[in-house]
Amino acid sequence: MAELDDRLVLCFSSIFPALTEEEIRGSDVALLSDMDSLAGVTLVALIDQEFGVEIDLEDLLRLRSFGAVQRYLCERRVLNLSPKEQIIR
C-alpha cells in the first residue's frame, strides 16, 4: 500500500508541483475542483499509465480527493487479480 501511495503522490505532484506531499495526501474536493480540465485529463492519463488502469468517466466524477483515488486504485487492483492471486494476497 505504501508503494501505491508514493507512486500516486508522484502523479499528483507532477500536476501540482507547488503542493507538499502532506497537502497532496490531504487533498479534497476543493483542490481537485480548482484544477482546470487540462490538468484533470493529464492527471488521469498519468494515473492510468502509472497503474495500468483505465479510469472510466463515470468513475472519474466520483474521484474528488487523493483518498478517493487511492481507494479506487486499491479496489481495481483486487478486482483485476485472479481468484488464486486474491487468496495469496
PDB file of N, CA and C in Angstrom:
ATOM      1  N   MET A   1       0.824  -1.192   0.000  1.00  0.00           N
ATOM      2  CA  MET A   1       0.000   0.000   0.000  1.00  0.00           C
ATOM      3  C   MET A   1       0.868   1.255   0.000  1.00  0.00           C
ATOM      4  N   ALA A   2       1.982   1.220   0.724  1.00  0.00           N
ATOM      5  CA  ALA A   2       2.853   2.387   0.784  1.00  0.00           C
ATOM      6  C   ALA A   2       3.431   2.711  -0.586  1.00  0.00           C
ATOM      7  N   GLU A   3       3.769   1.670  -1.351  1.00  0.00           N
ATOM      8  CA  GLU A   3       4.300   1.893  -2.690  1.00  0.00           C
ATOM      9  C   GLU A   3       3.246   2.558  -3.577  1.00  0.00           C
ATOM     10  N   LEU A   4       2.013   2.081  -3.492  1.00  0.00           N
ATOM     11  CA  LEU A   4       0.923   2.680  -4.258  1.00  0.00           C
ATOM     12  C   LEU A   4       0.777   4.152  -3.899  1.00  0.00           C
ATOM     13  N   ASP A   5       0.777   4.440  -2.601  1.00  0.00           N
ATOM     14  CA  ASP A   5       0.647   5.825  -2.133  1.00  0.00           C
ATOM     15  C   ASP A   5       1.756   6.713  -2.681  1.00  0.00           C
ATOM     16  N   ASP A   6       2.988   6.229  -2.599  1.00  0.00           N
ATOM     17  CA  ASP A   6       4.128   7.016  -3.067  1.00  0.00           C
ATOM     18  C   ASP A   6       4.038   7.287  -4.565  1.00  0.00           C
ATOM     19  N   ARG A   7       3.655   6.281  -5.325  1.00  0.00           N
ATOM     20  CA  ARG A   7       3.518   6.454  -6.778  1.00  0.00           C
ATOM     21  C   ARG A   7       2.381   7.420  -7.101  1.00  0.00           C
ATOM     22  N   LEU A   8       1.301   7.352  -6.328  1.00  0.00           N
ATOM     23  CA  LEU A   8       0.172   8.253  -6.548  1.00  0.00           C
ATOM     24  C   LEU A   8       0.556   9.692  -6.203  1.00  0.00           C
ATOM     25  N   VAL A   9       1.319   9.876  -5.146  1.00  0.00           N
ATOM     26  CA  VAL A   9       1.805  11.213  -4.784  1.00  0.00           C
ATOM     27  C   VAL A   9       2.631  11.795  -5.926  1.00  0.00           C
ATOM     28  N   LEU A  10       3.471  10.969  -6.544  1.00  0.00           N
ATOM     29  CA  LEU A  10       4.276  11.452  -7.670  1.00  0.00           C
ATOM     30  C   LEU A  10       3.397  11.914  -8.829  1.00  0.00           C
ATOM     31  N   CYS A  11       2.322  11.186  -9.092  1.00  0.00           N
ATOM     32  CA  CYS A  11       1.390  11.605 -10.157  1.00  0.00           C
ATOM     33  C   CYS A  11       0.789  12.971  -9.825  1.00  0.00           C
ATOM     34  N   PHE A  12       0.304  13.115  -8.602  1.00  0.00           N
ATOM     35  CA  PHE A  12      -0.302  14.386  -8.190  1.00  0.00           C
ATOM     36  C   PHE A  12       0.723  15.511  -8.198  1.00  0.00           C
ATOM     37  N   SER A  13       1.944  15.230  -7.725  1.00  0.00           N
ATOM     38  CA  SER A  13       2.948  16.294  -7.646  1.00  0.00           C
ATOM     39  C   SER A  13       3.392  16.751  -9.033  1.00  0.00           C
ATOM     40  N   SER A  14       3.251  15.900 -10.026  1.00  0.00           N
ATOM     41  CA  SER A  14       3.555  16.307 -11.404  1.00  0.00           C
ATOM     42  C   SER A  14       2.574  17.374 -11.881  1.00  0.00           C
ATOM     43  N   ILE A  15       1.358  17.309 -11.400  1.00  0.00           N
ATOM     44  CA  ILE A  15       0.322  18.254 -11.804  1.00  0.00           C
ATOM     45  C   ILE A  15       0.275  19.454 -10.861  1.00  0.00           C
ATOM     46  N   PHE A  16       0.555  19.221  -9.577  1.00  0.00           N
ATOM     47  CA  PHE A  16       0.514  20.279  -8.563  1.00  0.00           C
ATOM     48  C   PHE A  16       1.885  20.417  -7.906  1.00  0.00           C
ATOM     49  N   PRO A  17       2.883  20.912  -8.622  1.00  0.00           N
ATOM     50  CA  PRO A  17       4.252  20.938  -8.087  1.00  0.00           C
ATOM     51  C   PRO A  17       4.443  21.849  -6.874  1.00  0.00           C
ATOM     52  N   ALA A  18       3.554  22.797  -6.674  1.00  0.00           N
ATOM     53  CA  ALA A  18       3.704  23.715  -5.547  1.00  0.00           C
ATOM     54  C   ALA A  18       3.220  23.109  -4.235  1.00  0.00           C
ATOM     55  N   LEU A  19       2.508  21.991  -4.298  1.00  0.00           N
ATOM     56  CA  LEU A  19       1.972  21.383  -3.077  1.00  0.00           C
ATOM     57  C   LEU A  19       2.982  20.445  -2.436  1.00  0.00           C
ATOM     58  N   THR A  20       2.961  20.416  -1.119  1.00  0.00           N
ATOM     59  CA  THR A  20       3.798  19.474  -0.381  1.00  0.00           C
ATOM     60  C   THR A  20       3.133  18.096  -0.417  1.00  0.00           C
ATOM     61  N   GLU A  21       3.892  17.090  -0.060  1.00  0.00           N
ATOM     62  CA  GLU A  21       3.336  15.735  -0.009  1.00  0.00           C
ATOM     63  C   GLU A  21       2.153  15.679   0.961  1.00  0.00           C
ATOM     64  N   GLU A  22       2.277  16.343   2.078  1.00  0.00           N
ATOM     65  CA  GLU A  22       1.191  16.367   3.067  1.00  0.00           C
ATOM     66  C   GLU A  22      -0.068  17.015   2.486  1.00  0.00           C
ATOM     67  N   GLU A  23       0.096  18.107   1.762  1.00  0.00           N
ATOM     68  CA  GLU A  23      -1.052  18.770   1.144  1.00  0.00           C
ATOM     69  C   GLU A  23      -1.700  17.877   0.086  1.00  0.00           C
ATOM     70  N   ILE A  24      -0.873  17.165  -0.669  1.00  0.00           N
ATOM     71  CA  ILE A  24      -1.404  16.259  -1.683  1.00  0.00           C
ATOM     72  C   ILE A  24      -2.205  15.145  -1.028  1.00  0.00           C
ATOM     73  N   ARG A  25      -1.627  14.524  -0.015  1.00  0.00           N
ATOM     74  CA  ARG A  25      -2.310  13.415   0.660  1.00  0.00           C
ATOM     75  C   ARG A  25      -3.609  13.870   1.322  1.00  0.00           C
ATOM     76  N   GLY A  26      -3.680  15.121   1.703  1.00  0.00           N
ATOM     77  CA  GLY A  26      -4.883  15.652   2.336  1.00  0.00           C
ATOM     78  C   GLY A  26      -5.810  16.358   1.375  1.00  0.00           C
ATOM     79  N   SER A  27      -5.512  16.272   0.071  1.00  0.00           N
ATOM     80  CA  SER A  27      -6.323  16.997  -0.910  1.00  0.00           C
ATOM     81  C   SER A  27      -7.758  16.507  -0.896  1.00  0.00           C
ATOM     82  N   ASP A  28      -8.627  17.433  -1.185  1.00  0.00           N
ATOM     83  CA  ASP A  28     -10.049  17.109  -1.174  1.00  0.00           C
ATOM     84  C   ASP A  28     -10.733  17.743  -2.372  1.00  0.00           C
ATOM     85  N   VAL A  29     -12.018  17.815  -2.316  1.00  0.00           N
ATOM     86  CA  VAL A  29     -12.816  18.338  -3.413  1.00  0.00           C
ATOM     87  C   VAL A  29     -12.366  19.733  -3.828  1.00  0.00           C
ATOM     88  N   ALA A  30     -12.032  20.585  -2.886  1.00  0.00           N
ATOM     89  CA  ALA A  30     -11.651  21.963  -3.223  1.00  0.00           C
ATOM     90  C   ALA A  30     -10.431  21.995  -4.139  1.00  0.00           C
ATOM     91  N   LEU A  31      -9.414  21.243  -3.805  1.00  0.00           N
ATOM     92  CA  LEU A  31      -8.198  21.219  -4.634  1.00  0.00           C
ATOM     93  C   LEU A  31      -8.507  20.673  -6.014  1.00  0.00           C
ATOM     94  N   LEU A  32      -9.161  19.539  -6.055  1.00  0.00           N
ATOM     95  CA  LEU A  32      -9.390  18.885  -7.335  1.00  0.00           C
ATOM     96  C   LEU A  32     -10.403  19.625  -8.182  1.00  0.00           C
ATOM     97  N   SER A  33     -11.359  20.304  -7.561  1.00  0.00           N
ATOM     98  CA  SER A  33     -12.329  21.052  -8.353  1.00  0.00           C
ATOM     99  C   SER A  33     -11.721  22.339  -8.893  1.00  0.00           C
ATOM    100  N   ASP A  34     -10.645  22.822  -8.293  1.00  0.00           N
ATOM    101  CA  ASP A  34      -9.962  24.020  -8.786  1.00  0.00           C
ATOM    102  C   ASP A  34      -9.106  23.733 -10.013  1.00  0.00           C
ATOM    103  N   MET A  35      -8.829  22.475 -10.260  1.00  0.00           N
ATOM    104  CA  MET A  35      -7.949  22.161 -11.370  1.00  0.00           C
ATOM    105  C   MET A  35      -8.701  22.336 -12.686  1.00  0.00           C
ATOM    106  N   ASP A  36      -7.987  22.849 -13.676  1.00  0.00           N
ATOM    107  CA  ASP A  36      -8.629  23.047 -14.979  1.00  0.00           C
ATOM    108  C   ASP A  36      -8.740  21.705 -15.699  1.00  0.00           C
ATOM    109  N   SER A  37      -9.485  21.705 -16.795  1.00  0.00           N
ATOM    110  CA  SER A  37      -9.757  20.447 -17.486  1.00  0.00           C
ATOM    111  C   SER A  37      -8.484  19.800 -18.022  1.00  0.00           C
ATOM    112  N   LEU A  38      -7.530  20.585 -18.493  1.00  0.00           N
ATOM    113  CA  LEU A  38      -6.284  20.020 -18.993  1.00  0.00           C
ATOM    114  C   LEU A  38      -5.514  19.325 -17.879  1.00  0.00           C
ATOM    115  N   ALA A  39      -5.471  19.950 -16.719  1.00  0.00           N
ATOM    116  CA  ALA A  39      -4.795  19.336 -15.574  1.00  0.00           C
ATOM    117  C   ALA A  39      -5.500  18.044 -15.177  1.00  0.00           C
ATOM    118  N   GLY A  40      -6.817  18.049 -15.211  1.00  0.00           N
ATOM    119  CA  GLY A  40      -7.586  16.852 -14.866  1.00  0.00           C
ATOM    120  C   GLY A  40      -7.315  15.710 -15.823  1.00  0.00           C
ATOM    121  N   VAL A  41      -7.329  16.014 -17.108  1.00  0.00           N
ATOM    122  CA  VAL A  41      -7.055  14.986 -18.121  1.00  0.00           C
ATOM    123  C   VAL A  41      -5.630  14.466 -17.974  1.00  0.00           C
ATOM    124  N   THR A  42      -4.695  15.359 -17.726  1.00  0.00           N
ATOM    125  CA  THR A  42      -3.295  14.962 -17.575  1.00  0.00           C
ATOM    126  C   THR A  42      -3.114  14.082 -16.342  1.00  0.00           C
ATOM    127  N   LEU A  43      -3.758  14.453 -15.237  1.00  0.00           N
ATOM    128  CA  LEU A  43      -3.666  13.655 -14.020  1.00  0.00           C
ATOM    129  C   LEU A  43      -4.211  12.250 -14.259  1.00  0.00           C
ATOM    130  N   VAL A  44      -5.366  12.164 -14.890  1.00  0.00           N
ATOM    131  CA  VAL A  44      -5.961  10.857 -15.173  1.00  0.00           C
ATOM    132  C   VAL A  44      -5.047  10.038 -16.086  1.00  0.00           C
ATOM    133  N   ALA A  45      -4.472  10.676 -17.089  1.00  0.00           N
ATOM    134  CA  ALA A  45      -3.560   9.970 -18.002  1.00  0.00           C
ATOM    135  C   ALA A  45      -2.337   9.448 -17.241  1.00  0.00           C
ATOM    136  N   LEU A  46      -1.796  10.257 -16.343  1.00  0.00           N
ATOM    137  CA  LEU A  46      -0.645   9.816 -15.546  1.00  0.00           C
ATOM    138  C   LEU A  46      -1.001   8.629 -14.666  1.00  0.00           C
ATOM    139  N   ILE A  47      -2.161   8.698 -14.019  1.00  0.00           N
ATOM    140  CA  ILE A  47      -2.591   7.611 -13.145  1.00  0.00           C
ATOM    141  C   ILE A  47      -2.841   6.350 -13.965  1.00  0.00           C
ATOM    142  N   ASP A  48      -3.513   6.515 -15.106  1.00  0.00           N
ATOM    143  CA  ASP A  48      -3.756   5.369 -15.990  1.00  0.00           C
ATOM    144  C   ASP A  48      -2.443   4.698 -16.377  1.00  0.00           C
ATOM    145  N   GLN A  49      -1.481   5.504 -16.785  1.00  0.00           N
ATOM    146  CA  GLN A  49      -0.201   4.979 -17.233  1.00  0.00           C
ATOM    147  C   GLN A  49       0.594   4.357 -16.084  1.00  0.00           C
ATOM    148  N   GLU A  50       0.633   5.033 -14.967  1.00  0.00           N
ATOM    149  CA  GLU A  50       1.422   4.566 -13.827  1.00  0.00           C
ATOM    150  C   GLU A  50       0.901   3.249 -13.260  1.00  0.00           C
ATOM    151  N   PHE A  51      -0.421   3.110 -13.214  1.00  0.00           N
ATOM    152  CA  PHE A  51      -1.008   1.954 -12.552  1.00  0.00           C
ATOM    153  C   PHE A  51      -1.634   0.940 -13.510  1.00  0.00           C
ATOM    154  N   GLY A  52      -1.586   1.221 -14.797  1.00  0.00           N
ATOM    155  CA  GLY A  52      -2.120   0.277 -15.764  1.00  0.00           C
ATOM    156  C   GLY A  52      -3.616   0.091 -15.673  1.00  0.00           C
ATOM    157  N   VAL A  53      -4.317   1.154 -15.309  1.00  0.00           N
ATOM    158  CA  VAL A  53      -5.783   1.112 -15.245  1.00  0.00           C
ATOM    159  C   VAL A  53      -6.342   2.106 -16.241  1.00  0.00           C
ATOM    160  N   GLU A  54      -7.603   1.956 -16.532  1.00  0.00           N
ATOM    161  CA  GLU A  54      -8.283   2.938 -17.362  1.00  0.00           C
ATOM    162  C   GLU A  54      -9.470   3.451 -16.557  1.00  0.00           C
ATOM    163  N   ILE A  55      -9.365   4.688 -16.106  1.00  0.00           N
ATOM    164  CA  ILE A  55     -10.420   5.260 -15.277  1.00  0.00           C
ATOM    165  C   ILE A  55     -11.580   5.674 -16.174  1.00  0.00           C
ATOM    166  N   ASP A  56     -12.737   5.113 -15.906  1.00  0.00           N
ATOM    167  CA  ASP A  56     -13.944   5.454 -16.660  1.00  0.00           C
ATOM    168  C   ASP A  56     -14.407   6.848 -16.288  1.00  0.00           C
ATOM    169  N   LEU A  57     -15.050   7.527 -17.232  1.00  0.00           N
ATOM    170  CA  LEU A  57     -15.565   8.869 -16.984  1.00  0.00           C
ATOM    171  C   LEU A  57     -16.517   8.870 -15.795  1.00  0.00           C
ATOM    172  N   GLU A  58     -17.367   7.872 -15.721  1.00  0.00           N
ATOM    173  CA  GLU A  58     -18.313   7.789 -14.602  1.00  0.00           C
ATOM    174  C   GLU A  58     -17.574   7.703 -13.273  1.00  0.00           C
ATOM    175  N   ASP A  59     -16.513   6.902 -13.235  1.00  0.00           N
ATOM    176  CA  ASP A  59     -15.713   6.778 -12.016  1.00  0.00           C
ATOM    177  C   ASP A  59     -14.967   8.072 -11.714  1.00  0.00           C
ATOM    178  N   LEU A  60     -14.460   8.707 -12.745  1.00  0.00           N
ATOM    179  CA  LEU A  60     -13.698   9.943 -12.576  1.00  0.00           C
ATOM    180  C   LEU A  60     -14.507  11.009 -11.843  1.00  0.00           C
ATOM    181  N   LEU A  61     -15.785  11.080 -12.121  1.00  0.00           N
ATOM    182  CA  LEU A  61     -16.641  12.078 -11.487  1.00  0.00           C
ATOM    183  C   LEU A  61     -16.753  11.864  -9.979  1.00  0.00           C
ATOM    184  N   ARG A  62     -16.501  10.642  -9.520  1.00  0.00           N
ATOM    185  CA  ARG A  62     -16.566  10.348  -8.079  1.00  0.00           C
ATOM    186  C   ARG A  62     -15.226  10.528  -7.384  1.00  0.00           C
ATOM    187  N   LEU A  63     -14.149  10.592  -8.134  1.00  0.00           N
ATOM    188  CA  LEU A  63     -12.803  10.657  -7.551  1.00  0.00           C
ATOM    189  C   LEU A  63     -12.437  12.110  -7.274  1.00  0.00           C
ATOM    190  N   ARG A  64     -12.843  12.590  -6.126  1.00  0.00           N
ATOM    191  CA  ARG A  64     -12.726  14.008  -5.837  1.00  0.00           C
ATOM    192  C   ARG A  64     -11.709  14.318  -4.750  1.00  0.00           C
ATOM    193  N   SER A  65     -10.836  13.339  -4.463  1.00  0.00           N
ATOM    194  CA  SER A  65      -9.783  13.562  -3.472  1.00  0.00           C
ATOM    195  C   SER A  65      -8.676  12.542  -3.681  1.00  0.00           C
ATOM    196  N   PHE A  66      -7.546  12.801  -3.070  1.00  0.00           N
ATOM    197  CA  PHE A  66      -6.431  11.848  -3.114  1.00  0.00           C
ATOM    198  C   PHE A  66      -6.881  10.514  -2.534  1.00  0.00           C
ATOM    199  N   GLY A  67      -7.575  10.563  -1.400  1.00  0.00           N
ATOM    200  CA  GLY A  67      -8.043   9.342  -0.750  1.00  0.00           C
ATOM    201  C   GLY A  67      -9.000   8.552  -1.623  1.00  0.00           C
ATOM    202  N   ALA A  68      -9.872   9.233  -2.342  1.00  0.00           N
ATOM    203  CA  ALA A  68     -10.820   8.550  -3.224  1.00  0.00           C
ATOM    204  C   ALA A  68     -10.094   7.857  -4.366  1.00  0.00           C
ATOM    205  N   VAL A  69      -9.090   8.510  -4.928  1.00  0.00           N
ATOM    206  CA  VAL A  69      -8.307   7.898  -5.999  1.00  0.00           C
ATOM    207  C   VAL A  69      -7.550   6.696  -5.449  1.00  0.00           C
ATOM    208  N   GLN A  70      -6.989   6.840  -4.271  1.00  0.00           N
ATOM    209  CA  GLN A  70      -6.255   5.753  -3.626  1.00  0.00           C
ATOM    210  C   GLN A  70      -7.164   4.537  -3.416  1.00  0.00           C
ATOM    211  N   ARG A  71      -8.358   4.756  -2.873  1.00  0.00           N
ATOM    212  CA  ARG A  71      -9.296   3.648  -2.651  1.00  0.00           C
ATOM    213  C   ARG A  71      -9.701   2.999  -3.973  1.00  0.00           C
ATOM    214  N   TYR A  72      -9.933   3.826  -4.983  1.00  0.00           N
ATOM    215  CA  TYR A  72     -10.311   3.322  -6.308  1.00  0.00           C
ATOM    216  C   TYR A  72      -9.227   2.394  -6.848  1.00  0.00           C
ATOM    217  N   LEU A  73      -7.980   2.830  -6.739  1.00  0.00           N
ATOM    218  CA  LEU A  73      -6.883   2.013  -7.247  1.00  0.00           C
ATOM    219  C   LEU A  73      -6.757   0.702  -6.469  1.00  0.00           C
ATOM    220  N   CYS A  74      -6.937   0.755  -5.163  1.00  0.00           N
ATOM    221  CA  CYS A  74      -6.878  -0.466  -4.350  1.00  0.00           C
ATOM    222  C   CYS A  74      -7.985  -1.428  -4.758  1.00  0.00           C
ATOM    223  N   GLU A  75      -9.179  -0.921  -4.951  1.00  0.00           N
ATOM    224  CA  GLU A  75     -10.301  -1.767  -5.366  1.00  0.00           C
ATOM    225  C   GLU A  75     -10.046  -2.369  -6.743  1.00  0.00           C
ATOM    226  N   ARG A  76      -9.551  -1.585  -7.662  1.00  0.00           N
ATOM    227  CA  ARG A  76      -9.289  -2.064  -9.021  1.00  0.00           C
ATOM    228  C   ARG A  76      -8.202  -3.124  -9.028  1.00  0.00           C
ATOM    229  N   ARG A  77      -7.207  -2.965  -8.201  1.00  0.00           N
ATOM    230  CA  ARG A  77      -6.115  -3.944  -8.161  1.00  0.00           C
ATOM    231  C   ARG A  77      -6.633  -5.291  -7.667  1.00  0.00           C
ATOM    232  N   VAL A  78      -7.532  -5.286  -6.692  1.00  0.00           N
ATOM    233  CA  VAL A  78      -8.111  -6.531  -6.195  1.00  0.00           C
ATOM    234  C   VAL A  78      -9.005  -7.143  -7.263  1.00  0.00           C
ATOM    235  N   LEU A  79      -9.811  -6.307  -7.915  1.00  0.00           N
ATOM    236  CA  LEU A  79     -10.729  -6.828  -8.926  1.00  0.00           C
ATOM    237  C   LEU A  79      -9.982  -7.389 -10.127  1.00  0.00           C
ATOM    238  N   ASN A  80      -8.796  -6.881 -10.412  1.00  0.00           N
ATOM    239  CA  ASN A  80      -8.038  -7.336 -11.564  1.00  0.00           C
ATOM    240  C   ASN A  80      -7.225  -8.595 -11.289  1.00  0.00           C
ATOM    241  N   LEU A  81      -7.197  -9.045 -10.037  1.00  0.00           N
ATOM    242  CA  LEU A  81      -6.465 -10.251  -9.703  1.00  0.00           C
ATOM    243  C   LEU A  81      -7.329 -11.480  -9.953  1.00  0.00           C
ATOM    244  N   SER A  82      -6.704 -12.576 -10.310  1.00  0.00           N
ATOM    245  CA  SER A  82      -7.440 -13.826 -10.441  1.00  0.00           C
ATOM    246  C   SER A  82      -7.820 -14.302  -9.040  1.00  0.00           C
ATOM    247  N   PRO A  83      -8.814 -15.182  -8.916  1.00  0.00           N
ATOM    248  CA  PRO A  83      -9.193 -15.680  -7.582  1.00  0.00           C
ATOM    249  C   PRO A  83      -8.014 -16.291  -6.832  1.00  0.00           C
ATOM    250  N   LYS A  84      -7.120 -17.006  -7.532  1.00  0.00           N
ATOM    251  CA  LYS A  84      -5.962 -17.596  -6.880  1.00  0.00           C
ATOM    252  C   LYS A  84      -5.039 -16.518  -6.313  1.00  0.00           C
ATOM    253  N   GLU A  85      -4.814 -15.438  -7.094  1.00  0.00           N
ATOM    254  CA  GLU A  85      -3.950 -14.349  -6.630  1.00  0.00           C
ATOM    255  C   GLU A  85      -4.580 -13.627  -5.448  1.00  0.00           C
ATOM    256  N   GLN A  86      -5.903 -13.529  -5.412  1.00  0.00           N
ATOM    257  CA  GLN A  86      -6.580 -12.865  -4.289  1.00  0.00           C
ATOM    258  C   GLN A  86      -6.366 -13.634  -3.007  1.00  0.00           C
ATOM    259  N   ILE A  87      -6.382 -14.971  -3.081  1.00  0.00           N
ATOM    260  CA  ILE A  87      -6.168 -15.799  -1.886  1.00  0.00           C
ATOM    261  C   ILE A  87      -4.739 -15.639  -1.384  1.00  0.00           C
ATOM    262  N   ILE A  88      -3.787 -15.611  -2.290  1.00  0.00           N
ATOM    263  CA  ILE A  88      -2.374 -15.477  -1.917  1.00  0.00           C
ATOM    264  C   ILE A  88      -2.123 -14.161  -1.207  1.00  0.00           C
ATOM    265  N   ARG A  89      -2.723 -13.103  -1.690  1.00  0.00           N
ATOM    266  CA  ARG A  89      -2.510 -11.785  -1.085  1.00  0.00           C
ATOM    267  C   ARG A  89      -3.349 -11.696   0.131  1.00  0.00           C
TER     268      ARG A  89
END
